[in-house]
Protein backbone atom coordinates (compact mmCIF):
# COMPACT_ATOMS: atom_id res chain seq x y z
CA UNK A 1 0.00 0.00 0.00
CA UNK A 2 1.41 3.37 -1.04
CA UNK A 3 1.68 6.39 1.24
CA UNK A 4 -1.23 8.06 -0.55
CA UNK A 5 -3.47 5.01 -0.12
CA UNK A 6 -2.61 4.80 3.58
CA UNK A 7 -3.45 8.50 4.01
CA UNK A 8 -6.81 8.03 2.28
CA UNK A 9 -7.57 5.02 4.49
CA UNK A 10 -6.80 7.06 7.59
CA UNK A 11 -9.11 9.85 6.39
CA UNK A 12 -11.96 7.36 5.79
CA UNK A 13 -11.56 5.89 9.27
CA UNK A 14 -11.54 9.40 10.74
CA UNK A 15 -14.79 10.36 8.99
CA UNK A 16 -16.48 7.14 10.16
CA UNK A 17 -15.36 7.85 13.72
CA UNK A 18 -16.80 11.37 13.57
CA UNK A 19 -20.16 9.98 12.34
CA UNK A 20 -20.23 7.51 15.22
CA UNK A 21 -19.49 10.31 17.69
CA UNK A 22 -22.53 12.28 16.47
CA UNK A 23 -24.72 9.19 16.79
CA UNK A 24 -23.45 8.54 20.33
CA UNK A 25 -24.05 12.18 21.20
CA UNK A 26 -27.68 11.92 20.07
CA UNK A 27 -28.21 8.82 22.20
CA UNK A 28 -26.78 10.55 25.25
CA UNK A 29 -28.88 13.66 24.60
CA UNK A 30 -32.22 11.84 24.53
CA UNK A 31 -31.36 10.27 27.92
CA UNK A 32 -31.04 13.74 29.47
CA UNK A 33 -34.53 14.55 30.77
CA UNK A 34 -33.77 18.20 31.49
CA UNK A 35 -32.44 18.75 27.95
CA UNK A 36 -35.47 17.01 26.43
CA UNK A 37 -37.79 19.15 28.57
CA UNK A 38 -35.96 22.28 27.40
CA UNK A 39 -36.23 21.17 23.80
CA UNK A 40 -39.97 20.52 24.17
CA UNK A 41 -40.53 23.98 25.66
CA UNK A 42 -38.60 25.58 22.79
CA UNK A 43 -40.64 23.65 20.22
CA UNK A 44 -43.89 24.72 21.94
CA UNK A 45 -42.74 28.35 21.92
CA UNK A 46 -41.84 28.14 18.23
CA UNK A 47 -45.22 26.63 17.36
CA UNK A 48 -47.00 29.27 19.45
CA UNK A 49 -45.13 32.03 17.63
CA UNK A 50 -45.83 30.55 14.19
CA UNK A 51 -49.54 29.95 14.83
CA UNK A 52 -50.11 33.03 17.00
CA UNK A 53 -53.04 34.34 14.87
CA UNK A 54 -54.84 31.00 15.27
CA UNK A 55 -54.38 30.52 19.04
CA UNK A 56 -54.83 34.10 20.26
CA UNK A 57 -58.31 35.61 20.70
CA UNK A 58 -57.21 39.11 19.63
CA UNK A 59 -54.58 40.89 17.59
CA UNK A 60 -51.74 42.20 19.75
CA UNK A 61 -52.61 45.83 18.90
CA UNK A 62 -56.35 45.56 19.54
CA UNK A 63 -57.63 46.98 22.81
CA UNK A 64 -60.81 47.63 24.76
CA UNK A 65 -60.69 50.88 26.74
CA UNK A 66 -63.46 49.63 29.04
CA UNK A 67 -61.41 46.57 30.01
CA UNK A 68 -58.10 48.32 30.74
CA UNK A 69 -56.16 47.12 33.78
CA UNK A 70 -58.30 43.99 33.98
CA UNK A 71 -57.36 41.20 36.39
CA UNK A 72 -58.60 37.67 35.54
CA UNK A 73 -61.07 36.17 37.97
CA UNK A 74 -58.92 33.14 38.76
CA UNK A 75 -56.01 35.37 39.82
CA UNK A 76 -57.95 37.75 42.09
CA UNK A 77 -58.06 35.42 45.16
CA UNK A 78 -54.25 35.07 45.01
CA UNK A 79 -53.63 38.82 45.28
CA UNK A 80 -53.45 40.56 48.67
CA UNK A 81 -56.08 43.02 49.90
CA UNK A 82 -59.44 43.90 48.44
CA UNK A 83 -58.72 43.60 44.72
CA UNK A 84 -62.16 44.86 43.69
CA UNK A 85 -61.43 48.20 45.34
CA UNK A 86 -58.72 49.18 42.86
CA UNK A 87 -59.05 46.88 39.82
CA UNK A 88 -61.61 45.47 37.43
CA UNK A 89 -62.06 41.71 37.63
CA UNK A 90 -63.21 40.07 34.42
CA UNK A 91 -63.32 36.71 32.64
CA UNK A 92 -62.96 38.26 29.20
CA UNK A 93 -59.17 37.78 29.07
CA UNK A 94 -57.32 34.67 30.22
CA UNK A 95 -54.39 36.60 31.71
CA UNK A 96 -56.03 40.02 32.04
CA UNK A 97 -55.51 43.21 30.08
CA UNK A 98 -52.93 46.01 30.13
CA UNK A 99 -53.40 49.77 30.51
CA UNK A 100 -54.88 50.05 27.00
CA UNK A 101 -57.22 47.09 27.39
CA UNK A 102 -55.08 44.80 25.20
CA UNK A 103 -55.20 41.07 25.84
CA UNK A 104 -52.09 40.13 27.81
CA UNK A 105 -52.09 36.51 26.62
CA UNK A 106 -52.18 37.56 22.96
CA UNK A 107 -49.34 40.01 23.44
CA UNK A 108 -47.19 37.43 25.25
CA UNK A 109 -47.70 34.89 22.45
CA UNK A 110 -46.90 37.47 19.77
CA UNK A 111 -43.91 38.55 21.87
CA UNK A 112 -42.36 35.16 21.12
CA UNK A 113 -42.14 36.37 17.49
CA UNK A 114 -39.70 38.99 18.72
CA UNK A 115 -37.61 37.14 21.30
CA UNK A 116 -37.14 33.81 19.50
CA UNK A 117 -36.01 35.28 16.14
CA UNK A 118 -33.59 37.56 17.99
CA UNK A 119 -32.07 34.54 19.74
CA UNK A 120 -31.84 32.39 16.62
CA UNK A 121 -30.65 35.15 14.27
CA UNK A 122 -28.08 36.28 16.83
CA UNK A 123 -26.83 32.70 17.16
CA UNK A 124 -26.65 32.12 13.39
CA UNK A 125 -24.92 35.46 12.85
CA UNK A 126 -22.39 34.72 15.58
CA UNK A 127 -21.76 31.23 14.18
CA UNK A 128 -21.45 32.41 10.57
CA UNK A 129 -19.15 35.39 11.16
CA UNK A 130 -17.22 33.89 14.07
CA UNK A 131 -16.63 30.59 12.26
CA UNK A 132 -15.23 32.25 9.14
CA UNK A 133 -13.19 34.83 11.05
CA UNK A 134 -11.78 32.36 13.57
CA UNK A 135 -11.03 29.74 10.92
CA UNK A 136 -8.95 32.15 8.85
CA UNK A 137 -7.14 33.45 11.91
CA UNK A 138 -6.38 30.05 13.43
CA UNK A 139 -5.53 28.17 10.25
CA UNK A 140 -3.13 30.66 8.69
CA UNK A 141 -1.61 31.95 11.95
CA UNK A 142 1.38 34.29 11.99
CA UNK A 143 0.78 37.93 11.12
CA UNK A 144 -2.75 37.18 9.89
CA UNK A 145 -3.68 35.66 13.24
CA UNK A 146 -2.02 38.46 15.21
CA UNK A 147 -3.77 41.22 13.26
CA UNK A 148 -7.20 39.61 13.34
CA UNK A 149 -7.05 38.85 17.06
CA UNK A 150 -5.99 42.40 17.88
CA UNK A 151 -9.15 43.60 16.15
CA UNK A 152 -11.17 41.25 18.36
CA UNK A 153 -9.32 42.54 21.44
CA UNK A 154 -10.18 46.12 20.53
CA UNK A 155 -13.86 45.22 20.18
CA UNK A 156 -13.78 43.34 23.48
CA UNK A 157 -12.28 46.39 25.19
CA UNK A 158 -15.39 48.41 24.36
CA UNK A 159 -18.42 47.65 26.62
CA UNK A 160 -20.69 45.44 24.52
CA UNK A 161 -23.99 46.69 25.90
CA UNK A 162 -22.96 50.32 25.48
CA UNK A 163 -21.92 49.58 21.89
CA UNK A 164 -25.29 47.95 21.17
CA UNK A 165 -27.14 50.91 22.70
CA UNK A 166 -25.15 53.35 20.55
CA UNK A 167 -25.75 51.23 17.44
CA UNK A 168 -29.49 51.03 18.13
CA UNK A 169 -29.71 54.77 18.71
CA UNK A 170 -27.83 55.37 15.45
CA UNK A 171 -29.96 52.94 13.43
CA UNK A 172 -33.26 54.27 14.74
CA UNK A 173 -32.31 57.91 14.24
CA UNK A 174 -30.73 57.43 10.81
CA UNK A 175 -32.80 54.67 9.22
CA UNK A 176 -35.97 54.57 11.31
CA UNK A 177 -38.10 56.83 9.13
CA UNK A 178 -38.76 56.96 5.40
CA UNK A 179 -36.11 58.90 3.48
CA UNK A 180 -35.57 59.95 -0.09
CA UNK A 181 -36.19 56.98 -2.44
CA UNK A 182 -32.89 55.53 -3.65
CA UNK A 183 -30.89 56.56 -0.59
CA UNK A 184 -29.20 54.10 1.76
CA UNK A 185 -31.52 55.05 4.62
CA UNK A 186 -34.57 54.44 2.45
CA UNK A 187 -33.25 51.02 1.40
CA UNK A 188 -32.63 50.03 5.01
CA UNK A 189 -36.12 51.20 5.93
CA UNK A 190 -37.69 49.11 3.17
CA UNK A 191 -35.71 46.03 4.19
CA UNK A 192 -36.79 46.64 7.78
CA UNK A 193 -40.46 46.68 6.74
CA UNK A 194 -39.92 43.47 4.76
CA UNK A 195 -38.39 41.70 7.79
CA UNK A 196 -41.22 42.91 10.03
CA UNK A 197 -43.79 41.66 7.52
CA UNK A 198 -42.01 38.31 7.29
CA UNK A 199 -42.37 37.92 11.06
CA UNK A 200 -45.99 39.06 11.03
CA UNK A 201 -45.22 42.29 12.91
CA UNK A 202 -46.22 45.82 11.95
CA UNK A 203 -43.43 48.37 12.24
CA UNK A 204 -41.45 46.43 14.82
CA UNK A 205 -37.97 47.52 13.72
CA UNK A 206 -36.58 43.99 13.97
CA UNK A 207 -33.87 44.51 11.37
CA UNK A 208 -32.15 47.12 13.53
CA UNK A 209 -32.15 44.75 16.52
CA UNK A 210 -30.69 41.98 14.35
CA UNK A 211 -27.96 44.33 13.14
CA UNK A 212 -27.15 45.69 16.59
CA UNK A 213 -26.80 42.25 18.17
CA UNK A 214 -25.18 40.62 15.12
CA UNK A 215 -22.35 43.15 14.93
CA UNK A 216 -21.25 42.32 18.48
CA UNK A 217 -22.26 38.64 18.83
CA UNK A 218 -19.50 36.89 16.88
CA UNK A 219 -16.35 37.69 18.87
CA UNK A 220 -16.61 34.86 21.39
CA UNK A 221 -17.26 32.30 18.65
CA UNK A 222 -14.29 33.63 16.66
CA UNK A 223 -11.96 33.14 19.62
CA UNK A 224 -13.29 29.66 20.33
CA UNK A 225 -12.98 28.65 16.66
CA UNK A 226 -9.42 29.94 16.51
CA UNK A 227 -8.43 28.02 19.63
CA UNK A 228 -9.99 24.79 18.39
CA UNK A 229 -8.29 25.04 15.01
CA UNK A 230 -4.90 25.80 16.59
CA UNK A 231 -5.21 22.57 18.57
CA UNK A 232 -6.20 20.49 15.53
CA UNK A 233 -4.27 21.79 12.54
CA UNK A 234 -1.07 19.95 13.53
CA UNK A 235 -2.84 16.60 14.05
CA UNK A 236 -1.98 13.54 11.97
CA UNK A 237 -5.23 13.44 10.00
CA UNK A 238 -4.72 17.06 8.90
CA UNK A 239 -1.15 16.29 7.84
CA UNK A 240 -2.46 13.27 5.93
CA UNK A 241 -4.94 15.42 4.04
CA UNK A 242 -2.09 17.76 3.06
CA UNK A 243 -0.08 14.79 1.84
CA UNK A 244 -2.78 13.69 -0.59
CA UNK A 245 -2.92 17.21 -2.04
CA UNK A 246 -6.06 18.59 -0.39
CA UNK A 247 -6.50 22.36 -0.63
CA UNK A 248 -6.84 24.61 2.39
CA UNK A 249 -10.59 25.07 1.94
CA UNK A 250 -11.17 21.32 1.76
CA UNK A 251 -8.98 20.69 4.80
CA UNK A 252 -10.93 23.25 6.83
CA UNK A 253 -14.45 22.29 5.71
CA UNK A 254 -14.11 18.50 5.48
CA UNK A 255 -11.59 17.60 8.17
CA UNK A 256 -11.31 20.38 10.76
CA UNK A 257 -14.79 21.89 11.04
CA UNK A 258 -16.61 18.56 11.70
CA UNK A 259 -14.32 18.08 14.71
CA UNK A 260 -14.98 21.50 16.22
CA UNK A 261 -18.71 21.86 15.53
CA UNK A 262 -19.62 20.20 18.83
CA UNK A 263 -18.15 22.87 21.13
CA UNK A 264 -19.36 25.61 18.77
CA UNK A 265 -22.97 24.36 18.77
CA UNK A 266 -22.95 24.10 22.56
CA UNK A 267 -21.53 27.60 22.95
CA UNK A 268 -23.96 29.15 20.49
CA UNK A 269 -26.91 27.45 22.20
CA UNK A 270 -25.80 28.79 25.58
CA UNK A 271 -25.41 32.27 24.05
CA UNK A 272 -29.04 32.41 22.85
CA UNK A 273 -30.46 33.41 26.27
CA UNK A 274 -27.98 36.28 26.32
CA UNK A 275 -29.21 37.56 22.96
CA UNK A 276 -32.82 37.36 24.12
CA UNK A 277 -31.92 39.18 27.34
CA UNK A 278 -30.22 41.91 25.30
CA UNK A 279 -33.39 42.43 23.27
CA UNK A 280 -35.49 42.48 26.44
CA UNK A 281 -33.20 45.11 27.96
CA UNK A 282 -33.26 47.24 24.81
CA UNK A 283 -37.07 47.10 24.72
CA UNK A 284 -37.20 47.88 28.44
CA UNK A 285 -35.26 51.13 27.94
CA UNK A 286 -37.16 52.03 24.77
CA UNK A 287 -34.53 51.12 22.14
CA UNK A 288 -36.04 47.80 21.09
CA UNK A 289 -39.11 47.16 18.97
CA UNK A 290 -41.43 50.03 18.19
CA UNK A 291 -44.92 50.16 19.73
CA UNK A 292 -47.43 48.61 19.48
CA UNK A 293 -45.30 45.59 18.61
CA UNK A 294 -45.24 43.40 21.74
CA UNK A 295 -41.96 42.57 23.40
CA UNK A 296 -41.58 40.89 26.77
CA UNK A 297 -39.13 43.60 27.81
CA UNK A 298 -41.47 46.42 26.80
CA UNK A 299 -44.38 44.69 28.54
CA UNK A 300 -42.36 44.37 31.75
CA UNK A 301 -41.39 48.03 31.46
CA UNK A 302 -45.01 49.14 31.00
CA UNK A 303 -46.25 46.87 33.77
CA UNK A 304 -43.61 48.02 36.26
CA UNK A 305 -45.30 51.43 36.47
CA UNK A 306 -48.37 49.84 38.07
CA UNK A 307 -46.77 46.75 39.56
CA UNK A 308 -48.13 47.23 43.11
CA UNK A 309 -51.75 47.26 42.00
CA UNK A 310 -51.47 45.09 38.89
CA UNK A 311 -48.56 42.65 39.40
CA UNK A 312 -49.85 40.33 36.66
CA UNK A 313 -48.68 42.84 34.03
CA UNK A 314 -45.08 42.10 35.06
CA UNK A 315 -45.50 38.55 36.33
CA UNK A 316 -46.75 36.83 33.18
CA UNK A 317 -44.22 38.31 30.70
CA UNK A 318 -41.46 37.58 33.23
CA UNK A 319 -42.61 33.95 33.50
CA UNK A 320 -42.53 33.61 29.70
CA UNK A 321 -39.02 35.06 29.65
CA UNK A 322 -37.84 32.83 32.51
CA UNK A 323 -39.22 29.67 30.86
CA UNK A 324 -37.40 30.55 27.65
CA UNK A 325 -34.14 31.16 29.51
CA UNK A 326 -34.41 27.87 31.40
CA UNK A 327 -35.28 25.94 28.24
CA UNK A 328 -32.26 27.13 26.29
CA UNK A 329 -29.94 26.67 29.27
CA UNK A 330 -31.18 23.11 29.87
CA UNK A 331 -30.82 22.26 26.20
CA UNK A 332 -27.35 23.85 26.06
CA UNK A 333 -26.19 21.91 29.11
CA UNK A 334 -27.55 18.70 27.61
CA UNK A 335 -25.76 19.33 24.32
CA UNK A 336 -22.53 20.05 26.18
CA UNK A 337 -22.75 16.75 28.04
CA UNK A 338 -23.80 14.83 24.92
CA UNK A 339 -21.01 16.20 22.74
CA UNK A 340 -18.31 15.74 25.37
CA UNK A 341 -16.33 12.57 24.43
CA UNK A 342 -15.51 12.05 28.09
CA UNK A 343 -19.23 11.44 28.76
CA UNK A 344 -19.28 8.41 26.44
CA UNK A 345 -20.84 5.44 28.18
CA UNK A 346 -22.28 7.52 31.06
CA UNK A 347 -25.96 7.93 31.84
């Protein structure tokens, strides 16, 4: 057997081993009850967001001025004091109504159309940019690596949340309103309306949130990718691929990336709650989605002004947010355990 044939045989064995590792990871994942529960909650939230018009009794912007600040009948006995003295108790809304008489349940369900896309788009953006950036930096090394990592260090030195706030303020002030047709601002505004329409939201300003989070979300993934590639590019199977004449792109995509996707997927999954929290904070301070588009952060902000008398306005959006955080954290922890080779054979 020639050297080239031996190298090809090694590469085939390596690819089969990687496939078996993914199968073993799936088997370990389905044994993790917390991860499965988190996955089920995420699926339910996704289905609720997709079929929101079918499962909600009202549109998120519709309101009844007579039913404003309504507390549901089933919740009244759980609240302290004489609730009837300061609030209207009604069975019209399952979770009550806000200060404009809008159904709280409908707004929470539609709010999933804001929070979930922010989490997923932020994760995909971080994975896409960070994977490309970190792969180039780690694989080629030397001056390329030094220059690219210094750029990451500079971005890390700037407070991330402050940078996002500045970006959101810039986007909303520069691109938030219709401009002269043909200008950059007008194009951004049209794309923003298209994204909002795609998500079933009216004037939400989701594109600007995607841009603000996406610009700052990739740095951690880039560093992780670089570190993983630095630890793998001198391995025997990579040297074997070079010996049979494989190009750099093929080496990275076929032989290195499959071996580092596990840690990257786990990290990205664990980052999703952070992206959702960022959107909630931006909406809480008024830099998130535009009213009347529902956001859990904006709902908590509005409800906090009357929290003593109407705690349900804060409680229910906060519960939805907490369930989402727990679900992604449970799933991320389960993926981390499943994709860890040291967990092979464990329950």
